[in-house]
N, C-alpha and C. Protein backbone atom coordinates (compact mmCIF):
# COMPACT_ATOMS: atom_id res chain seq x y z
N MET A 1 49.16 71.31 128.18
CA MET A 1 49.36 72.44 127.29
C MET A 1 48.88 72.08 125.92
N ARG A 2 48.01 72.85 125.38
CA ARG A 2 47.52 72.64 123.99
C ARG A 2 48.40 73.36 123.04
N VAL A 3 48.84 72.67 122.03
CA VAL A 3 49.73 73.25 121.01
C VAL A 3 49.00 73.25 119.65
N LYS A 4 49.11 74.41 119.00
CA LYS A 4 48.48 74.49 117.64
C LYS A 4 49.58 74.16 116.63
N VAL A 5 49.56 72.95 116.20
CA VAL A 5 50.55 72.42 115.26
C VAL A 5 50.16 72.62 113.80
N GLU A 6 48.92 72.97 113.57
CA GLU A 6 48.41 73.09 112.21
C GLU A 6 49.26 74.07 111.37
N VAL A 7 49.69 75.19 111.95
CA VAL A 7 50.45 76.13 111.17
C VAL A 7 51.75 75.48 110.63
N SER A 8 52.43 74.71 111.46
CA SER A 8 53.61 74.01 111.02
C SER A 8 53.27 73.05 109.90
N ILE A 9 52.21 72.31 110.06
CA ILE A 9 51.79 71.35 109.03
C ILE A 9 51.53 72.03 107.73
N TRP A 10 50.80 73.15 107.75
CA TRP A 10 50.45 73.86 106.53
C TRP A 10 51.72 74.37 105.86
N ALA A 11 52.60 74.91 106.63
CA ALA A 11 53.85 75.51 106.09
C ALA A 11 54.69 74.42 105.41
N PHE A 12 54.88 73.30 106.05
CA PHE A 12 55.72 72.28 105.46
C PHE A 12 55.04 71.49 104.32
N HIS A 13 53.73 71.31 104.39
CA HIS A 13 53.01 70.66 103.33
C HIS A 13 53.03 71.54 102.05
N ASP A 14 53.11 72.84 102.22
CA ASP A 14 53.20 73.77 101.05
C ASP A 14 54.51 73.54 100.31
N ASP A 15 55.51 72.98 100.93
CA ASP A 15 56.80 72.77 100.28
C ASP A 15 56.68 71.86 99.09
N VAL A 16 55.59 71.06 98.93
CA VAL A 16 55.42 70.23 97.79
C VAL A 16 55.39 71.08 96.53
N ASN A 17 55.01 72.34 96.67
CA ASN A 17 54.99 73.33 95.53
C ASN A 17 56.37 73.75 95.12
N TYR A 18 57.40 73.39 95.90
CA TYR A 18 58.74 73.84 95.68
C TYR A 18 59.76 72.72 95.65
N GLY A 19 59.26 71.49 95.40
CA GLY A 19 60.14 70.34 95.26
C GLY A 19 60.06 69.34 96.37
N GLY A 20 59.29 69.58 97.42
CA GLY A 20 59.23 68.71 98.54
C GLY A 20 58.35 67.51 98.25
N SER A 21 58.40 66.51 99.10
CA SER A 21 57.55 65.30 99.01
C SER A 21 56.15 65.65 99.56
N PRO A 22 55.12 65.10 98.97
CA PRO A 22 53.78 65.33 99.52
C PRO A 22 53.70 64.86 100.98
N GLY A 23 53.13 65.73 101.86
CA GLY A 23 52.92 65.36 103.23
C GLY A 23 54.19 65.24 104.02
N GLY A 24 55.26 65.81 103.53
CA GLY A 24 56.52 65.67 104.30
C GLY A 24 56.96 66.92 105.01
N GLY A 25 57.98 66.82 105.84
CA GLY A 25 58.53 67.91 106.55
C GLY A 25 59.65 67.43 107.47
N PRO A 26 60.29 68.33 108.22
CA PRO A 26 61.36 67.90 109.10
C PRO A 26 60.79 67.08 110.24
N PRO A 27 61.64 66.39 110.98
CA PRO A 27 61.18 65.60 112.09
C PRO A 27 60.30 66.41 113.08
N GLY A 28 59.12 65.92 113.41
CA GLY A 28 58.26 66.52 114.37
C GLY A 28 57.42 67.68 113.89
N TYR A 29 57.50 68.01 112.64
CA TYR A 29 56.75 69.15 112.13
C TYR A 29 55.26 69.02 112.35
N ASP A 30 54.75 67.76 112.36
CA ASP A 30 53.34 67.55 112.48
C ASP A 30 52.96 66.92 113.83
N SER A 31 53.84 67.07 114.79
CA SER A 31 53.62 66.43 116.09
C SER A 31 53.47 67.48 117.21
N PRO A 32 52.31 67.49 117.89
CA PRO A 32 52.18 68.38 119.08
C PRO A 32 53.23 68.04 120.13
N ALA A 33 53.54 66.74 120.26
CA ALA A 33 54.59 66.33 121.26
C ALA A 33 55.93 66.96 120.95
N TRP A 34 56.30 66.96 119.68
CA TRP A 34 57.61 67.55 119.27
C TRP A 34 57.58 69.03 119.59
N GLN A 35 56.50 69.73 119.29
CA GLN A 35 56.37 71.12 119.54
C GLN A 35 56.54 71.45 121.02
N VAL A 36 55.84 70.68 121.86
CA VAL A 36 55.98 70.82 123.30
C VAL A 36 57.42 70.59 123.78
N LYS A 37 58.03 69.52 123.25
CA LYS A 37 59.40 69.20 123.63
C LYS A 37 60.35 70.37 123.22
N ALA A 38 60.13 70.89 122.01
CA ALA A 38 60.96 72.01 121.57
C ALA A 38 60.76 73.23 122.48
N MET A 39 59.56 73.44 122.88
CA MET A 39 59.32 74.57 123.78
C MET A 39 60.01 74.39 125.12
N GLU A 40 60.11 73.18 125.57
CA GLU A 40 60.76 72.88 126.84
C GLU A 40 62.24 72.80 126.75
N GLU A 41 62.80 72.28 125.64
CA GLU A 41 64.24 72.00 125.56
C GLU A 41 65.01 72.94 124.71
N ALA A 42 64.41 73.59 123.75
CA ALA A 42 65.17 74.58 122.90
C ALA A 42 65.50 75.78 123.78
N ASP A 43 66.46 76.51 123.35
CA ASP A 43 66.85 77.75 124.04
C ASP A 43 65.73 78.76 123.91
N ALA A 44 65.03 78.71 122.80
CA ALA A 44 63.92 79.63 122.59
C ALA A 44 62.97 79.08 121.55
N TYR A 45 61.68 79.25 121.78
CA TYR A 45 60.63 78.90 120.79
C TYR A 45 59.69 80.09 120.73
N PHE A 46 59.74 80.82 119.65
CA PHE A 46 58.91 82.04 119.49
C PHE A 46 57.73 81.76 118.60
N LYS A 47 56.59 82.25 118.95
CA LYS A 47 55.48 82.23 118.01
C LYS A 47 55.51 83.53 117.21
N ILE A 48 55.05 83.40 115.99
CA ILE A 48 54.96 84.54 115.07
C ILE A 48 53.51 84.91 114.95
N LEU A 49 53.14 86.12 115.33
CA LEU A 49 51.80 86.63 115.25
C LEU A 49 51.69 87.70 114.18
N ARG A 50 50.47 87.78 113.57
CA ARG A 50 50.27 88.84 112.61
C ARG A 50 48.89 89.40 112.85
N GLU A 51 48.81 90.71 112.84
CA GLU A 51 47.53 91.41 113.05
C GLU A 51 46.85 91.61 111.73
N ARG A 52 45.60 91.22 111.69
CA ARG A 52 44.75 91.41 110.52
C ARG A 52 43.34 91.70 110.96
N ASP A 53 42.85 92.80 110.44
CA ASP A 53 41.46 93.27 110.81
C ASP A 53 41.24 93.35 112.32
N GLY A 54 42.28 93.87 113.01
CA GLY A 54 42.17 94.07 114.45
C GLY A 54 42.28 92.84 115.29
N CYS A 55 42.62 91.68 114.69
CA CYS A 55 42.74 90.43 115.41
C CYS A 55 44.16 89.83 115.20
N TRP A 56 44.79 89.39 116.22
CA TRP A 56 46.13 88.83 116.12
C TRP A 56 45.97 87.32 115.83
N ARG A 57 46.67 86.79 114.85
CA ARG A 57 46.62 85.39 114.48
C ARG A 57 48.00 84.75 114.60
N LEU A 58 48.02 83.50 115.03
CA LEU A 58 49.29 82.74 114.93
C LEU A 58 49.59 82.35 113.54
N VAL A 59 50.73 82.78 113.04
CA VAL A 59 51.02 82.49 111.59
C VAL A 59 52.34 81.79 111.43
N GLY A 60 53.06 81.48 112.51
CA GLY A 60 54.32 80.78 112.37
C GLY A 60 55.05 80.61 113.67
N GLY A 61 56.26 80.13 113.52
CA GLY A 61 57.16 79.94 114.68
C GLY A 61 58.61 79.93 114.34
N LEU A 62 59.45 80.14 115.36
CA LEU A 62 60.94 80.09 115.27
C LEU A 62 61.42 79.28 116.43
N VAL A 63 62.36 78.34 116.15
CA VAL A 63 62.98 77.58 117.19
C VAL A 63 64.49 77.84 117.13
N ILE A 64 65.08 78.24 118.25
CA ILE A 64 66.49 78.65 118.32
C ILE A 64 67.24 77.84 119.35
N ASN A 65 68.49 77.47 119.04
CA ASN A 65 69.39 76.83 119.97
C ASN A 65 70.71 77.56 119.96
N LYS A 66 71.31 77.75 121.18
CA LYS A 66 72.68 78.28 121.27
C LYS A 66 73.62 77.11 121.02
N ARG A 67 74.79 77.42 120.56
CA ARG A 67 75.86 76.48 120.42
C ARG A 67 76.82 76.65 121.54
N LYS A 68 77.72 75.70 121.69
CA LYS A 68 78.71 75.83 122.78
C LYS A 68 79.67 76.97 122.61
N ASN A 69 79.91 77.32 121.36
CA ASN A 69 80.77 78.48 121.12
C ASN A 69 80.04 79.74 121.46
N PRO A 70 80.62 80.66 122.22
CA PRO A 70 79.93 81.92 122.54
C PRO A 70 79.61 82.68 121.25
N GLY A 71 78.38 83.22 121.23
CA GLY A 71 77.94 84.00 120.10
C GLY A 71 77.48 83.21 118.90
N LYS A 72 77.42 81.92 119.00
CA LYS A 72 76.97 81.12 117.84
C LYS A 72 75.56 80.52 118.15
N TYR A 73 74.66 80.79 117.25
CA TYR A 73 73.24 80.32 117.34
C TYR A 73 72.89 79.51 116.17
N TYR A 74 71.91 78.59 116.41
CA TYR A 74 71.40 77.71 115.38
C TYR A 74 69.90 77.95 115.19
N LEU A 75 69.52 78.34 114.01
CA LEU A 75 68.08 78.46 113.69
C LEU A 75 67.59 77.06 113.35
N VAL A 76 66.99 76.38 114.33
CA VAL A 76 66.50 75.04 114.18
C VAL A 76 65.38 74.98 113.16
N ARG A 77 64.43 75.94 113.27
CA ARG A 77 63.29 75.92 112.40
C ARG A 77 62.61 77.29 112.33
N ILE A 78 62.14 77.62 111.20
CA ILE A 78 61.24 78.75 111.00
C ILE A 78 60.14 78.24 110.09
N PHE A 79 58.95 78.51 110.45
CA PHE A 79 57.80 78.14 109.57
C PHE A 79 56.77 79.21 109.60
N ILE A 80 56.15 79.46 108.43
CA ILE A 80 55.12 80.48 108.29
C ILE A 80 54.00 79.92 107.46
N ASP A 81 52.76 80.14 107.95
CA ASP A 81 51.59 79.76 107.23
C ASP A 81 51.68 80.27 105.78
N PRO A 82 51.49 79.39 104.75
CA PRO A 82 51.60 79.81 103.39
C PRO A 82 50.71 81.02 103.04
N GLU A 83 49.65 81.18 103.72
CA GLU A 83 48.75 82.30 103.47
C GLU A 83 49.40 83.60 103.84
N HIS A 84 50.48 83.55 104.63
CA HIS A 84 51.15 84.77 105.14
C HIS A 84 52.59 84.86 104.63
N GLN A 85 52.96 84.04 103.63
CA GLN A 85 54.28 84.08 103.11
C GLN A 85 54.35 85.13 101.98
N ASN A 86 55.54 85.59 101.67
CA ASN A 86 55.78 86.57 100.60
C ASN A 86 55.12 87.93 100.89
N CYS A 87 55.02 88.27 102.15
CA CYS A 87 54.48 89.58 102.49
C CYS A 87 55.28 90.23 103.66
N GLY A 88 56.51 89.76 103.88
CA GLY A 88 57.37 90.34 104.85
C GLY A 88 57.37 89.78 106.25
N VAL A 89 56.52 88.78 106.49
CA VAL A 89 56.47 88.18 107.83
C VAL A 89 57.79 87.47 108.19
N GLY A 90 58.31 86.69 107.27
CA GLY A 90 59.59 86.02 107.54
C GLY A 90 60.74 86.96 107.72
N SER A 91 60.79 87.99 106.92
CA SER A 91 61.85 89.00 107.00
C SER A 91 61.78 89.72 108.34
N ALA A 92 60.53 90.02 108.79
CA ALA A 92 60.33 90.70 110.08
C ALA A 92 60.76 89.77 111.21
N ALA A 93 60.49 88.45 111.06
CA ALA A 93 60.87 87.52 112.07
C ALA A 93 62.43 87.42 112.20
N MET A 94 63.13 87.47 111.05
CA MET A 94 64.57 87.45 111.10
C MET A 94 65.12 88.75 111.73
N GLU A 95 64.52 89.88 111.42
CA GLU A 95 64.92 91.16 112.02
C GLU A 95 64.70 91.13 113.53
N PHE A 96 63.66 90.45 113.98
CA PHE A 96 63.42 90.29 115.37
C PHE A 96 64.58 89.51 116.01
N LEU A 97 65.06 88.44 115.35
CA LEU A 97 66.17 87.66 115.88
C LEU A 97 67.42 88.54 115.98
N TRP A 98 67.72 89.36 114.98
CA TRP A 98 68.95 90.15 114.98
C TRP A 98 68.88 91.14 116.20
N ARG A 99 67.69 91.67 116.45
CA ARG A 99 67.52 92.64 117.59
C ARG A 99 67.55 91.90 118.94
N ARG A 100 66.95 90.75 119.00
CA ARG A 100 66.83 89.99 120.23
C ARG A 100 68.18 89.44 120.69
N TYR A 101 68.95 88.94 119.76
CA TYR A 101 70.21 88.26 120.09
C TYR A 101 71.39 89.18 119.66
N VAL A 102 71.56 90.25 120.40
CA VAL A 102 72.57 91.21 120.08
C VAL A 102 73.98 90.60 120.35
N ASP A 103 74.09 89.55 121.11
CA ASP A 103 75.35 88.92 121.35
C ASP A 103 75.75 87.91 120.27
N ALA A 104 74.84 87.62 119.34
CA ALA A 104 75.10 86.69 118.27
C ALA A 104 76.18 87.22 117.30
N ARG A 105 77.17 86.41 117.12
CA ARG A 105 78.20 86.77 116.10
C ARG A 105 77.97 85.94 114.87
N ARG A 106 77.41 84.73 114.99
CA ARG A 106 77.25 83.79 113.89
C ARG A 106 75.95 83.03 114.03
N TRP A 107 75.16 82.98 112.94
CA TRP A 107 73.96 82.14 112.90
C TRP A 107 74.22 81.02 111.90
N VAL A 108 73.71 79.83 112.21
CA VAL A 108 73.85 78.70 111.28
C VAL A 108 72.45 78.03 111.20
N LEU A 109 72.18 77.50 109.99
CA LEU A 109 70.94 76.78 109.73
C LEU A 109 71.18 75.76 108.66
N ASP A 110 70.26 74.81 108.50
CA ASP A 110 70.26 73.96 107.33
C ASP A 110 68.90 73.82 106.74
N THR A 111 68.83 73.54 105.50
CA THR A 111 67.56 73.45 104.72
C THR A 111 67.75 72.50 103.60
N PRO A 112 66.67 71.79 103.15
CA PRO A 112 66.82 70.83 102.07
C PRO A 112 67.39 71.43 100.80
N SER A 113 68.21 70.67 100.13
CA SER A 113 68.88 71.12 98.89
C SER A 113 67.84 71.42 97.80
N TRP A 114 66.70 70.78 97.81
CA TRP A 114 65.68 71.01 96.79
C TRP A 114 64.90 72.25 96.97
N ASN A 115 64.90 72.86 98.17
CA ASN A 115 64.02 73.97 98.39
C ASN A 115 64.65 75.32 98.06
N TYR A 116 64.58 75.68 96.78
CA TYR A 116 65.17 76.92 96.28
C TYR A 116 64.47 78.13 96.83
N ARG A 117 63.20 78.01 97.23
CA ARG A 117 62.51 79.13 97.87
C ARG A 117 63.20 79.47 99.17
N ASN A 118 63.51 78.48 99.98
CA ASN A 118 64.22 78.72 101.25
C ASN A 118 65.56 79.30 101.03
N HIS A 119 66.33 78.78 100.03
CA HIS A 119 67.69 79.25 99.72
C HIS A 119 67.62 80.80 99.45
N SER A 120 66.68 81.19 98.64
CA SER A 120 66.48 82.60 98.25
C SER A 120 66.14 83.43 99.51
N PHE A 121 65.23 82.93 100.31
CA PHE A 121 64.84 83.64 101.55
C PHE A 121 66.04 83.87 102.46
N TYR A 122 66.87 82.79 102.71
CA TYR A 122 67.96 82.89 103.59
C TYR A 122 69.03 83.84 103.05
N GLU A 123 69.29 83.74 101.74
CA GLU A 123 70.28 84.64 101.13
C GLU A 123 69.81 86.07 101.26
N LYS A 124 68.55 86.36 101.08
CA LYS A 124 67.99 87.70 101.20
C LYS A 124 68.19 88.17 102.68
N ALA A 125 68.18 87.26 103.61
CA ALA A 125 68.36 87.59 105.04
C ALA A 125 69.83 87.66 105.44
N GLY A 126 70.72 87.55 104.45
CA GLY A 126 72.16 87.70 104.72
C GLY A 126 72.94 86.43 104.96
N PHE A 127 72.34 85.27 104.75
CA PHE A 127 73.04 84.04 104.88
C PHE A 127 73.80 83.64 103.62
N THR A 128 74.84 82.87 103.82
CA THR A 128 75.62 82.32 102.74
C THR A 128 75.74 80.84 102.88
N LYS A 129 75.59 80.09 101.76
CA LYS A 129 75.74 78.63 101.80
C LYS A 129 77.20 78.31 102.01
N ILE A 130 77.47 77.46 103.04
CA ILE A 130 78.82 77.09 103.38
C ILE A 130 79.11 75.59 103.18
N GLY A 131 78.10 74.80 102.90
CA GLY A 131 78.36 73.36 102.74
C GLY A 131 77.09 72.56 102.52
N GLU A 132 77.32 71.31 102.40
CA GLU A 132 76.24 70.34 102.18
C GLU A 132 76.40 69.17 103.13
N GLU A 133 75.28 68.56 103.57
CA GLU A 133 75.31 67.44 104.47
C GLU A 133 74.34 66.39 103.92
N GLN A 134 74.85 65.22 103.54
CA GLN A 134 74.02 64.13 103.05
C GLN A 134 73.48 63.38 104.25
N VAL A 135 72.16 63.47 104.46
CA VAL A 135 71.52 62.88 105.64
C VAL A 135 71.28 61.38 105.38
N ASP A 136 70.73 61.09 104.22
CA ASP A 136 70.53 59.73 103.82
C ASP A 136 70.57 59.71 102.28
N GLY A 137 70.18 58.60 101.67
CA GLY A 137 70.27 58.48 100.24
C GLY A 137 69.40 59.48 99.50
N GLU A 138 68.40 59.98 100.16
CA GLU A 138 67.43 60.93 99.52
C GLU A 138 67.57 62.34 99.91
N LEU A 139 67.99 62.63 101.14
CA LEU A 139 68.00 63.96 101.68
C LEU A 139 69.37 64.57 101.82
N CYS A 140 69.55 65.69 101.14
CA CYS A 140 70.78 66.43 101.27
C CYS A 140 70.38 67.78 101.84
N LEU A 141 71.10 68.26 102.87
CA LEU A 141 70.83 69.55 103.45
C LEU A 141 71.94 70.53 103.06
N TYR A 142 71.52 71.76 102.72
CA TYR A 142 72.48 72.83 102.54
C TYR A 142 72.64 73.52 103.85
N VAL A 143 73.86 73.80 104.23
CA VAL A 143 74.17 74.53 105.47
C VAL A 143 74.49 75.97 105.12
N PHE A 144 73.82 76.85 105.87
CA PHE A 144 73.99 78.31 105.62
C PHE A 144 74.50 78.93 106.90
N GLU A 145 75.24 80.04 106.78
CA GLU A 145 75.66 80.82 107.94
C GLU A 145 75.47 82.33 107.64
N ARG A 146 75.38 83.04 108.76
CA ARG A 146 75.35 84.46 108.64
C ARG A 146 76.23 85.04 109.77
N TRP A 147 77.21 85.79 109.40
CA TRP A 147 78.12 86.50 110.35
C TRP A 147 77.46 87.86 110.62
N MET A 148 77.39 88.23 111.85
CA MET A 148 76.76 89.51 112.22
C MET A 148 77.89 90.56 112.34
N GLY A 149 77.64 91.74 111.82
CA GLY A 149 78.63 92.80 111.87
C GLY A 149 79.86 92.40 111.02
N THR A 150 81.00 92.69 111.57
CA THR A 150 82.24 92.35 110.87
C THR A 150 83.00 91.19 111.47
N SER A 151 82.33 90.55 112.49
CA SER A 151 82.98 89.42 113.17
C SER A 151 83.19 88.24 112.25
N ARG A 152 84.31 87.59 112.39
CA ARG A 152 84.55 86.34 111.65
C ARG A 152 85.56 85.53 112.34
């Protein structure tokens, strides 16, 4: 299976413009093997396509895992080619998730504390910061959740 990992690399390398380390990203972001493993082991791995000039292009991806609690989902990863950011692609991807997972009562995700662009995007999508997790001396993750409907 051939995996196009370049979109993930471009997306995460662009984070250097928002406080990230040069050439960095989450585990496996630059690994075709990680992408294949995620496709095999995650509950869902969606590709994000965008039509331009009559041609569909791969511009990102979503990785989803269910949690043991019924109705709880974890957004493992979303990435979008920087060339296609800030034009509604990410928001459309999130709307796809809300329609696809009608049984979801709660969504959870984490993102680096330094990435204010991500924080803003997730808040716009209805997420609220609920905590912080210190991964190591350098990396702190903010944990976000979104409750669907009026469930809590």
